[in-house]
Protein backbone atom coordinates (compact mmCIF):
# COMPACT_ATOMS: atom_id res chain seq x y z
CA UNK A 1 0.00 0.00 0.00
CA UNK A 2 1.29 3.46 -0.94
CA UNK A 3 1.80 5.84 1.99
CA UNK A 4 1.09 9.40 0.81
CA UNK A 5 1.50 11.08 4.18
CA UNK A 6 4.45 13.31 4.91
CA UNK A 7 6.96 11.73 7.26
CA UNK A 8 7.11 14.98 9.23
CA UNK A 9 4.29 17.44 8.79
CA UNK A 10 4.81 21.04 9.93
CA UNK A 11 2.62 20.28 12.96
CA UNK A 12 5.01 17.51 14.09
CA UNK A 13 8.29 19.21 13.22
CA UNK A 14 10.48 19.42 16.33
CA UNK A 15 10.63 22.96 17.76
CA UNK A 16 14.42 22.95 17.58
CA UNK A 17 14.16 22.85 13.77
CA UNK A 18 11.73 25.80 13.47
CA UNK A 19 13.50 29.07 12.68
CA UNK A 20 12.09 31.98 14.64
CA UNK A 21 11.60 35.05 12.43
CA UNK A 22 9.92 37.40 14.89
CA UNK A 23 10.41 37.58 18.63
CA UNK A 24 8.13 40.46 19.65
CA UNK A 25 4.85 42.08 18.60
CA UNK A 26 3.48 45.37 19.87
CA UNK A 27 0.36 47.28 18.86
CA UNK A 28 0.52 51.05 18.40
CA UNK A 29 -1.76 53.88 17.43
CA UNK A 30 0.10 56.45 15.34
CA UNK A 31 -1.23 59.98 15.81
CA UNK A 32 -0.29 62.04 12.75
CA UNK A 33 -1.73 65.31 14.13
CA UNK A 34 -1.21 67.03 17.48
CA UNK A 35 -4.17 68.01 19.74
CA UNK A 36 -4.32 71.38 17.91
CA UNK A 37 -4.81 69.39 14.62
CA UNK A 38 -1.39 70.41 13.23
CA UNK A 39 0.40 67.78 11.13
CA UNK A 40 3.34 66.23 13.01
CA UNK A 41 6.70 65.68 11.29
CA UNK A 42 6.85 62.22 12.93
CA UNK A 43 3.73 60.48 14.30
CA UNK A 44 3.29 60.13 18.03
CA UNK A 45 3.19 56.39 18.80
CA UNK A 46 0.99 55.26 21.67
CA UNK A 47 0.56 51.63 22.78
CA UNK A 48 -3.18 51.22 23.52
CA UNK A 49 -4.40 49.84 26.82
CA UNK A 50 -5.13 46.10 26.67
CA UNK A 51 -3.70 46.07 23.10
CA UNK A 52 -7.13 46.94 21.69
CA UNK A 53 -7.92 49.85 19.39
CA UNK A 54 -10.69 50.99 17.11
CA UNK A 55 -9.99 51.24 13.39
CA UNK A 56 -10.70 54.34 11.32
CA UNK A 57 -11.50 54.45 7.63
CA UNK A 58 -9.48 57.66 7.21
CA UNK A 59 -5.83 57.21 8.27
CA UNK A 60 -4.56 60.78 7.75
CA UNK A 61 -5.07 61.63 11.44
CA UNK A 62 -4.41 58.30 13.12
CA UNK A 63 -3.80 54.68 12.23
CA UNK A 64 -3.46 51.42 14.09
CA UNK A 65 -0.62 49.00 13.43
CA UNK A 66 1.29 46.10 14.94
CA UNK A 67 5.07 46.18 14.84
CA UNK A 68 6.58 42.71 14.52
CA UNK A 69 10.23 42.80 15.56
CA UNK A 70 12.52 40.40 13.75
CA UNK A 71 15.08 38.39 15.67
CA UNK A 72 17.89 40.10 13.74
CA UNK A 73 15.93 43.38 13.28
CA UNK A 74 16.35 43.05 9.49
CA UNK A 75 13.06 41.11 9.38
CA UNK A 76 10.92 43.80 11.07
CA UNK A 77 7.40 43.93 9.65
CA UNK A 78 4.66 46.49 10.18
CA UNK A 79 1.05 45.25 9.99
CA UNK A 80 -1.25 48.19 9.27
CA UNK A 81 -4.82 47.47 10.31
CA UNK A 82 -7.48 49.23 8.22
CA UNK A 83 -11.26 48.97 8.07
CA UNK A 84 -11.00 47.52 4.55
CA UNK A 85 -7.56 45.87 4.45
CA UNK A 86 -4.56 44.52 6.31
CA UNK A 87 -1.24 45.77 4.95
CA UNK A 88 2.14 44.21 5.76
CA UNK A 89 5.24 46.28 5.01
CA UNK A 90 8.94 45.76 5.44
CA UNK A 91 12.13 47.24 4.06
CA UNK A 92 12.82 46.42 0.39
CA UNK A 93 15.62 44.06 -0.55
CA UNK A 94 14.55 40.90 1.28
CA UNK A 95 12.04 39.50 -1.23
CA UNK A 96 8.57 40.99 -0.80
CA UNK A 97 8.23 44.47 0.66
CA UNK A 98 4.44 44.82 0.77
CA UNK A 99 1.34 42.65 1.10
CA UNK A 100 -2.23 43.92 1.00
CA UNK A 101 -5.15 41.68 1.94
CA UNK A 102 -8.66 42.95 1.32
CA UNK A 103 -12.11 41.56 0.60
CA UNK A 104 -11.44 41.26 -3.15
CA UNK A 105 -7.80 40.24 -3.47
CA UNK A 106 -4.33 39.60 -2.07
CA UNK A 107 -1.55 41.78 -3.52
CA UNK A 108 2.20 41.28 -3.04
CA UNK A 109 4.93 43.78 -3.96
CA UNK A 110 8.19 42.09 -5.00
CA UNK A 111 10.83 44.53 -6.24
CA UNK A 112 8.91 46.85 -8.54
CA UNK A 113 6.25 44.28 -9.52
CA UNK A 114 2.78 43.92 -7.98
CA UNK A 115 1.29 40.41 -8.05
CA UNK A 116 -2.45 40.23 -7.35
CA UNK A 117 -4.67 37.20 -6.81
CA UNK A 118 -8.34 38.11 -7.02
CA UNK A 119 -11.31 36.31 -5.48
CA UNK A 120 -11.92 34.34 -8.69
CA UNK A 121 -8.34 33.00 -8.78
CA UNK A 122 -6.97 35.25 -11.53
CA UNK A 123 -3.32 36.19 -11.02
CA UNK A 124 -2.20 39.61 -12.27
CA UNK A 125 1.46 40.62 -12.58
CA UNK A 126 1.91 44.35 -13.07
CA UNK A 127 5.17 46.27 -13.31
CA UNK A 128 5.14 49.29 -10.99
CA UNK A 129 5.98 51.57 -13.92
CA UNK A 130 2.97 50.24 -15.88
CA UNK A 131 5.14 48.99 -18.76
CA UNK A 132 3.52 45.54 -18.83
CA UNK A 133 0.70 43.60 -17.24
CA UNK A 134 0.25 39.84 -17.40
CA UNK A 135 -2.88 37.92 -16.38
CA UNK A 136 -3.10 34.23 -15.61
CA UNK A 137 -6.84 33.63 -15.76
CA UNK A 138 -8.54 31.09 -13.50
CA UNK A 139 -9.09 28.83 -16.54
CA UNK A 140 -5.34 28.78 -17.30
CA UNK A 141 -5.29 31.22 -20.22
CA UNK A 142 -2.61 33.93 -20.28
CA UNK A 143 -2.95 37.54 -21.43
CA UNK A 144 -0.02 39.94 -21.62
CA UNK A 145 -0.48 43.64 -22.25
CA UNK A 146 2.37 45.98 -23.16
CA UNK A 147 2.45 49.41 -24.78
CA UNK A 148 2.98 47.83 -28.18
CA UNK A 149 1.00 44.60 -28.15
CA UNK A 150 -1.56 42.31 -26.56
CA UNK A 151 -0.75 38.60 -26.52
CA UNK A 152 -3.24 35.88 -25.53
CA UNK A 153 -2.53 32.18 -25.06
CA UNK A 154 -5.41 29.75 -24.55
CA UNK A 155 -5.40 27.52 -21.47
CA UNK A 156 -4.42 24.45 -23.50
CA UNK A 157 -1.81 26.36 -25.55
CA UNK A 158 -3.58 25.49 -28.80
CA UNK A 159 -4.31 29.11 -29.74
CA UNK A 160 -2.11 32.19 -29.56
CA UNK A 161 -3.08 35.67 -30.71
CA UNK A 162 -1.06 38.85 -30.96
CA UNK A 163 -2.59 42.26 -31.56
CA UNK A 164 -0.73 45.45 -32.28
CA UNK A 165 -2.00 48.84 -33.37
CA UNK A 166 -1.92 47.81 -37.04
CA UNK A 167 -1.90 43.96 -37.14
CA UNK A 168 -3.65 40.94 -35.72
CA UNK A 169 -1.99 37.53 -35.85
CA UNK A 170 -3.06 34.14 -34.62
CA UNK A 171 -1.87 30.57 -34.38
CA UNK A 172 -4.66 27.99 -34.19
CA UNK A 173 -4.87 24.25 -34.78
CA UNK A 174 -6.29 25.17 -38.20
CA UNK A 175 -3.34 27.31 -39.24
CA UNK A 176 -1.84 30.80 -39.09
CA UNK A 177 -3.69 34.09 -39.57
CA UNK A 178 -1.89 37.38 -40.11
CA UNK A 179 -3.62 40.46 -41.41
CA UNK A 180 -3.78 44.21 -41.26
CA UNK A 181 -6.24 45.49 -38.65
CA UNK A 182 -9.14 47.48 -39.94
CA UNK A 183 -9.31 50.69 -37.99
CA UNK A 184 -12.83 51.94 -37.23
CA UNK A 185 -13.75 55.01 -39.25
CA UNK A 186 -11.02 54.42 -41.84
CA UNK A 187 -12.12 54.74 -45.47
CA UNK A 188 -12.41 51.61 -47.60
C-alpha atoms as a PDB file:
ATOM      1  CA  UNK A   1       0.000   0.000   0.000  1.00  0.00           C
ATOM      2  CA  UNK A   2       1.295   3.464  -0.938  1.00  0.00           C
ATOM      3  CA  UNK A   3       1.796   5.843   1.991  1.00  0.00           C
ATOM      4  CA  UNK A   4       1.087   9.402   0.814  1.00  0.00           C
ATOM      5  CA  UNK A   5       1.499  11.085   4.181  1.00  0.00           C
ATOM      6  CA  UNK A   6       4.453  13.310   4.915  1.00  0.00           C
ATOM      7  CA  UNK A   7       6.960  11.726   7.263  1.00  0.00           C
ATOM      8  CA  UNK A   8       7.112  14.981   9.227  1.00  0.00           C
ATOM      9  CA  UNK A   9       4.291  17.441   8.790  1.00  0.00           C
ATOM     10  CA  UNK A  10       4.809  21.043   9.928  1.00  0.00           C
ATOM     11  CA  UNK A  11       2.617  20.276  12.961  1.00  0.00           C
ATOM     12  CA  UNK A  12       5.006  17.506  14.087  1.00  0.00           C
ATOM     13  CA  UNK A  13       8.294  19.211  13.217  1.00  0.00           C
ATOM     14  CA  UNK A  14      10.481  19.422  16.329  1.00  0.00           C
ATOM     15  CA  UNK A  15      10.627  22.958  17.756  1.00  0.00           C
ATOM     16  CA  UNK A  16      14.416  22.950  17.578  1.00  0.00           C
ATOM     17  CA  UNK A  17      14.161  22.845  13.767  1.00  0.00           C
ATOM     18  CA  UNK A  18      11.728  25.796  13.470  1.00  0.00           C
ATOM     19  CA  UNK A  19      13.501  29.071  12.681  1.00  0.00           C
ATOM     20  CA  UNK A  20      12.092  31.980  14.636  1.00  0.00           C
ATOM     21  CA  UNK A  21      11.601  35.045  12.429  1.00  0.00           C
ATOM     22  CA  UNK A  22       9.917  37.399  14.893  1.00  0.00           C
ATOM     23  CA  UNK A  23      10.412  37.584  18.634  1.00  0.00           C
ATOM     24  CA  UNK A  24       8.126  40.461  19.651  1.00  0.00           C
ATOM     25  CA  UNK A  25       4.852  42.082  18.603  1.00  0.00           C
ATOM     26  CA  UNK A  26       3.476  45.372  19.867  1.00  0.00           C
ATOM     27  CA  UNK A  27       0.360  47.276  18.862  1.00  0.00           C
ATOM     28  CA  UNK A  28       0.516  51.053  18.399  1.00  0.00           C
ATOM     29  CA  UNK A  29      -1.759  53.885  17.432  1.00  0.00           C
ATOM     30  CA  UNK A  30       0.104  56.451  15.338  1.00  0.00           C
ATOM     31  CA  UNK A  31      -1.231  59.982  15.806  1.00  0.00           C
ATOM     32  CA  UNK A  32      -0.289  62.040  12.749  1.00  0.00           C
ATOM     33  CA  UNK A  33      -1.735  65.306  14.132  1.00  0.00           C
ATOM     34  CA  UNK A  34      -1.214  67.030  17.481  1.00  0.00           C
ATOM     35  CA  UNK A  35      -4.166  68.013  19.740  1.00  0.00           C
ATOM     36  CA  UNK A  36      -4.322  71.384  17.914  1.00  0.00           C
ATOM     37  CA  UNK A  37      -4.812  69.394  14.623  1.00  0.00           C
ATOM     38  CA  UNK A  38      -1.391  70.412  13.226  1.00  0.00           C
ATOM     39  CA  UNK A  39       0.396  67.776  11.132  1.00  0.00           C
ATOM     40  CA  UNK A  40       3.342  66.230  13.012  1.00  0.00           C
ATOM     41  CA  UNK A  41       6.700  65.677  11.293  1.00  0.00           C
ATOM     42  CA  UNK A  42       6.845  62.215  12.933  1.00  0.00           C
ATOM     43  CA  UNK A  43       3.728  60.483  14.299  1.00  0.00           C
ATOM     44  CA  UNK A  44       3.288  60.131  18.035  1.00  0.00           C
ATOM     45  CA  UNK A  45       3.189  56.387  18.797  1.00  0.00           C
ATOM     46  CA  UNK A  46       0.989  55.260  21.672  1.00  0.00           C
ATOM     47  CA  UNK A  47       0.561  51.628  22.783  1.00  0.00           C
ATOM     48  CA  UNK A  48      -3.182  51.216  23.516  1.00  0.00           C
ATOM     49  CA  UNK A  49      -4.398  49.843  26.816  1.00  0.00           C
ATOM     50  CA  UNK A  50      -5.134  46.099  26.666  1.00  0.00           C
ATOM     51  CA  UNK A  51      -3.702  46.070  23.101  1.00  0.00           C
ATOM     52  CA  UNK A  52      -7.130  46.944  21.685  1.00  0.00           C
ATOM     53  CA  UNK A  53      -7.916  49.849  19.386  1.00  0.00           C
ATOM     54  CA  UNK A  54     -10.692  50.994  17.107  1.00  0.00           C
ATOM     55  CA  UNK A  55      -9.992  51.242  13.387  1.00  0.00           C
ATOM     56  CA  UNK A  56     -10.704  54.340  11.319  1.00  0.00           C
ATOM     57  CA  UNK A  57     -11.498  54.447   7.627  1.00  0.00           C
ATOM     58  CA  UNK A  58      -9.479  57.664   7.212  1.00  0.00           C
ATOM     59  CA  UNK A  59      -5.832  57.213   8.267  1.00  0.00           C
ATOM     60  CA  UNK A  60      -4.559  60.779   7.745  1.00  0.00           C
ATOM     61  CA  UNK A  61      -5.066  61.629  11.436  1.00  0.00           C
ATOM     62  CA  UNK A  62      -4.413  58.301  13.124  1.00  0.00           C
ATOM     63  CA  UNK A  63      -3.800  54.681  12.230  1.00  0.00           C
ATOM     64  CA  UNK A  64      -3.461  51.416  14.091  1.00  0.00           C
ATOM     65  CA  UNK A  65      -0.620  48.998  13.427  1.00  0.00           C
ATOM     66  CA  UNK A  66       1.286  46.104  14.940  1.00  0.00           C
ATOM     67  CA  UNK A  67       5.069  46.185  14.844  1.00  0.00           C
ATOM     68  CA  UNK A  68       6.584  42.708  14.525  1.00  0.00           C
ATOM     69  CA  UNK A  69      10.232  42.805  15.560  1.00  0.00           C
ATOM     70  CA  UNK A  70      12.520  40.399  13.751  1.00  0.00           C
ATOM     71  CA  UNK A  71      15.078  38.394  15.673  1.00  0.00           C
ATOM     72  CA  UNK A  72      17.888  40.098  13.741  1.00  0.00           C
ATOM     73  CA  UNK A  73      15.931  43.385  13.277  1.00  0.00           C
ATOM     74  CA  UNK A  74      16.346  43.053   9.493  1.00  0.00           C
ATOM     75  CA  UNK A  75      13.060  41.114   9.383  1.00  0.00           C
ATOM     76  CA  UNK A  76      10.921  43.803  11.074  1.00  0.00           C
ATOM     77  CA  UNK A  77       7.396  43.927   9.655  1.00  0.00           C
ATOM     78  CA  UNK A  78       4.661  46.488  10.179  1.00  0.00           C
ATOM     79  CA  UNK A  79       1.052  45.250   9.988  1.00  0.00           C
ATOM     80  CA  UNK A  80      -1.250  48.190   9.268  1.00  0.00           C
ATOM     81  CA  UNK A  81      -4.823  47.471  10.307  1.00  0.00           C
ATOM     82  CA  UNK A  82      -7.477  49.227   8.221  1.00  0.00           C
ATOM     83  CA  UNK A  83     -11.257  48.973   8.068  1.00  0.00           C
ATOM     84  CA  UNK A  84     -11.004  47.524   4.551  1.00  0.00           C
ATOM     85  CA  UNK A  85      -7.563  45.870   4.449  1.00  0.00           C
ATOM     86  CA  UNK A  86      -4.556  44.520   6.310  1.00  0.00           C
ATOM     87  CA  UNK A  87      -1.243  45.770   4.948  1.00  0.00           C
ATOM     88  CA  UNK A  88       2.140  44.213   5.761  1.00  0.00           C
ATOM     89  CA  UNK A  89       5.239  46.278   5.014  1.00  0.00           C
ATOM     90  CA  UNK A  90       8.944  45.759   5.437  1.00  0.00           C
ATOM     91  CA  UNK A  91      12.128  47.241   4.058  1.00  0.00           C
ATOM     92  CA  UNK A  92      12.817  46.421   0.385  1.00  0.00           C
ATOM     93  CA  UNK A  93      15.623  44.061  -0.548  1.00  0.00           C
ATOM     94  CA  UNK A  94      14.554  40.904   1.277  1.00  0.00           C
ATOM     95  CA  UNK A  95      12.044  39.502  -1.231  1.00  0.00           C
ATOM     96  CA  UNK A  96       8.574  40.989  -0.797  1.00  0.00           C
ATOM     97  CA  UNK A  97       8.228  44.474   0.660  1.00  0.00           C
ATOM     98  CA  UNK A  98       4.439  44.819   0.773  1.00  0.00           C
ATOM     99  CA  UNK A  99       1.342  42.647   1.103  1.00  0.00           C
ATOM    100  CA  UNK A 100      -2.234  43.918   0.997  1.00  0.00           C
ATOM    101  CA  UNK A 101      -5.149  41.680   1.935  1.00  0.00           C
ATOM    102  CA  UNK A 102      -8.665  42.951   1.323  1.00  0.00           C
ATOM    103  CA  UNK A 103     -12.113  41.563   0.599  1.00  0.00           C
ATOM    104  CA  UNK A 104     -11.443  41.263  -3.150  1.00  0.00           C
ATOM    105  CA  UNK A 105      -7.797  40.241  -3.470  1.00  0.00           C
ATOM    106  CA  UNK A 106      -4.335  39.598  -2.072  1.00  0.00           C
ATOM    107  CA  UNK A 107      -1.547  41.777  -3.515  1.00  0.00           C
ATOM    108  CA  UNK A 108       2.203  41.277  -3.036  1.00  0.00           C
ATOM    109  CA  UNK A 109       4.930  43.780  -3.963  1.00  0.00           C
ATOM    110  CA  UNK A 110       8.190  42.089  -4.995  1.00  0.00           C
ATOM    111  CA  UNK A 111      10.830  44.528  -6.243  1.00  0.00           C
ATOM    112  CA  UNK A 112       8.911  46.851  -8.542  1.00  0.00           C
ATOM    113  CA  UNK A 113       6.252  44.281  -9.517  1.00  0.00           C
ATOM    114  CA  UNK A 114       2.778  43.916  -7.984  1.00  0.00           C
ATOM    115  CA  UNK A 115       1.293  40.405  -8.050  1.00  0.00           C
ATOM    116  CA  UNK A 116      -2.448  40.228  -7.349  1.00  0.00           C
ATOM    117  CA  UNK A 117      -4.670  37.202  -6.812  1.00  0.00           C
ATOM    118  CA  UNK A 118      -8.345  38.113  -7.016  1.00  0.00           C
ATOM    119  CA  UNK A 119     -11.309  36.314  -5.481  1.00  0.00           C
ATOM    120  CA  UNK A 120     -11.916  34.338  -8.694  1.00  0.00           C
ATOM    121  CA  UNK A 121      -8.340  33.002  -8.776  1.00  0.00           C
ATOM    122  CA  UNK A 122      -6.973  35.246 -11.528  1.00  0.00           C
ATOM    123  CA  UNK A 123      -3.324  36.194 -11.020  1.00  0.00           C
ATOM    124  CA  UNK A 124      -2.201  39.607 -12.275  1.00  0.00           C
ATOM    125  CA  UNK A 125       1.462  40.621 -12.576  1.00  0.00           C
ATOM    126  CA  UNK A 126       1.914  44.355 -13.074  1.00  0.00           C
ATOM    127  CA  UNK A 127       5.172  46.268 -13.314  1.00  0.00           C
ATOM    128  CA  UNK A 128       5.136  49.287 -10.990  1.00  0.00           C
ATOM    129  CA  UNK A 129       5.978  51.569 -13.923  1.00  0.00           C
ATOM    130  CA  UNK A 130       2.969  50.237 -15.880  1.00  0.00           C
ATOM    131  CA  UNK A 131       5.141  48.994 -18.765  1.00  0.00           C
ATOM    132  CA  UNK A 132       3.519  45.544 -18.834  1.00  0.00           C
ATOM    133  CA  UNK A 133       0.697  43.603 -17.240  1.00  0.00           C
ATOM    134  CA  UNK A 134       0.248  39.837 -17.402  1.00  0.00           C
ATOM    135  CA  UNK A 135      -2.878  37.920 -16.384  1.00  0.00           C
ATOM    136  CA  UNK A 136      -3.097  34.226 -15.611  1.00  0.00           C
ATOM    137  CA  UNK A 137      -6.835  33.633 -15.756  1.00  0.00           C
ATOM    138  CA  UNK A 138      -8.539  31.089 -13.496  1.00  0.00           C
ATOM    139  CA  UNK A 139      -9.092  28.834 -16.545  1.00  0.00           C
ATOM    140  CA  UNK A 140      -5.336  28.782 -17.298  1.00  0.00           C
ATOM    141  CA  UNK A 141      -5.287  31.224 -20.221  1.00  0.00           C
ATOM    142  CA  UNK A 142      -2.611  33.925 -20.276  1.00  0.00           C
ATOM    143  CA  UNK A 143      -2.947  37.536 -21.432  1.00  0.00           C
ATOM    144  CA  UNK A 144      -0.015  39.942 -21.620  1.00  0.00           C
ATOM    145  CA  UNK A 145      -0.479  43.642 -22.255  1.00  0.00           C
ATOM    146  CA  UNK A 146       2.366  45.984 -23.158  1.00  0.00           C
ATOM    147  CA  UNK A 147       2.446  49.411 -24.777  1.00  0.00           C
ATOM    148  CA  UNK A 148       2.985  47.834 -28.183  1.00  0.00           C
ATOM    149  CA  UNK A 149       1.003  44.602 -28.150  1.00  0.00           C
ATOM    150  CA  UNK A 150      -1.555  42.310 -26.561  1.00  0.00           C
ATOM    151  CA  UNK A 151      -0.746  38.596 -26.522  1.00  0.00           C
ATOM    152  CA  UNK A 152      -3.238  35.885 -25.528  1.00  0.00           C
ATOM    153  CA  UNK A 153      -2.529  32.180 -25.057  1.00  0.00           C
ATOM    154  CA  UNK A 154      -5.410  29.745 -24.548  1.00  0.00           C
ATOM    155  CA  UNK A 155      -5.398  27.522 -21.472  1.00  0.00           C
ATOM    156  CA  UNK A 156      -4.419  24.452 -23.496  1.00  0.00           C
ATOM    157  CA  UNK A 157      -1.811  26.359 -25.546  1.00  0.00           C
ATOM    158  CA  UNK A 158      -3.583  25.490 -28.798  1.00  0.00           C
ATOM    159  CA  UNK A 159      -4.307  29.114 -29.736  1.00  0.00           C
ATOM    160  CA  UNK A 160      -2.107  32.186 -29.555  1.00  0.00           C
ATOM    161  CA  UNK A 161      -3.081  35.670 -30.711  1.00  0.00           C
ATOM    162  CA  UNK A 162      -1.062  38.851 -30.963  1.00  0.00           C
ATOM    163  CA  UNK A 163      -2.592  42.257 -31.561  1.00  0.00           C
ATOM    164  CA  UNK A 164      -0.727  45.451 -32.280  1.00  0.00           C
ATOM    165  CA  UNK A 165      -2.003  48.839 -33.374  1.00  0.00           C
ATOM    166  CA  UNK A 166      -1.924  47.806 -37.039  1.00  0.00           C
ATOM    167  CA  UNK A 167      -1.896  43.961 -37.143  1.00  0.00           C
ATOM    168  CA  UNK A 168      -3.646  40.938 -35.717  1.00  0.00           C
ATOM    169  CA  UNK A 169      -1.988  37.529 -35.849  1.00  0.00           C
ATOM    170  CA  UNK A 170      -3.056  34.139 -34.618  1.00  0.00           C
ATOM    171  CA  UNK A 171      -1.873  30.569 -34.384  1.00  0.00           C
ATOM    172  CA  UNK A 172      -4.659  27.994 -34.187  1.00  0.00           C
ATOM    173  CA  UNK A 173      -4.868  24.247 -34.779  1.00  0.00           C
ATOM    174  CA  UNK A 174      -6.289  25.167 -38.204  1.00  0.00           C
ATOM    175  CA  UNK A 175      -3.342  27.315 -39.237  1.00  0.00           C
ATOM    176  CA  UNK A 176      -1.842  30.798 -39.092  1.00  0.00           C
ATOM    177  CA  UNK A 177      -3.688  34.085 -39.575  1.00  0.00           C
ATOM    178  CA  UNK A 178      -1.890  37.378 -40.106  1.00  0.00           C
ATOM    179  CA  UNK A 179      -3.621  40.456 -41.412  1.00  0.00           C
ATOM    180  CA  UNK A 180      -3.780  44.207 -41.261  1.00  0.00           C
ATOM    181  CA  UNK A 181      -6.235  45.487 -38.652  1.00  0.00           C
ATOM    182  CA  UNK A 182      -9.144  47.479 -39.939  1.00  0.00           C
ATOM    183  CA  UNK A 183      -9.310  50.687 -37.987  1.00  0.00           C
ATOM    184  CA  UNK A 184     -12.833  51.938 -37.233  1.00  0.00           C
ATOM    185  CA  UNK A 185     -13.752  55.012 -39.250  1.00  0.00           C
ATOM    186  CA  UNK A 186     -11.023  54.424 -41.838  1.00  0.00           C
ATOM    187  CA  UNK A 187     -12.119  54.736 -45.466  1.00  0.00           C
ATOM    188  CA  UNK A 188     -12.414  51.607 -47.602  1.00  0.00           C
END
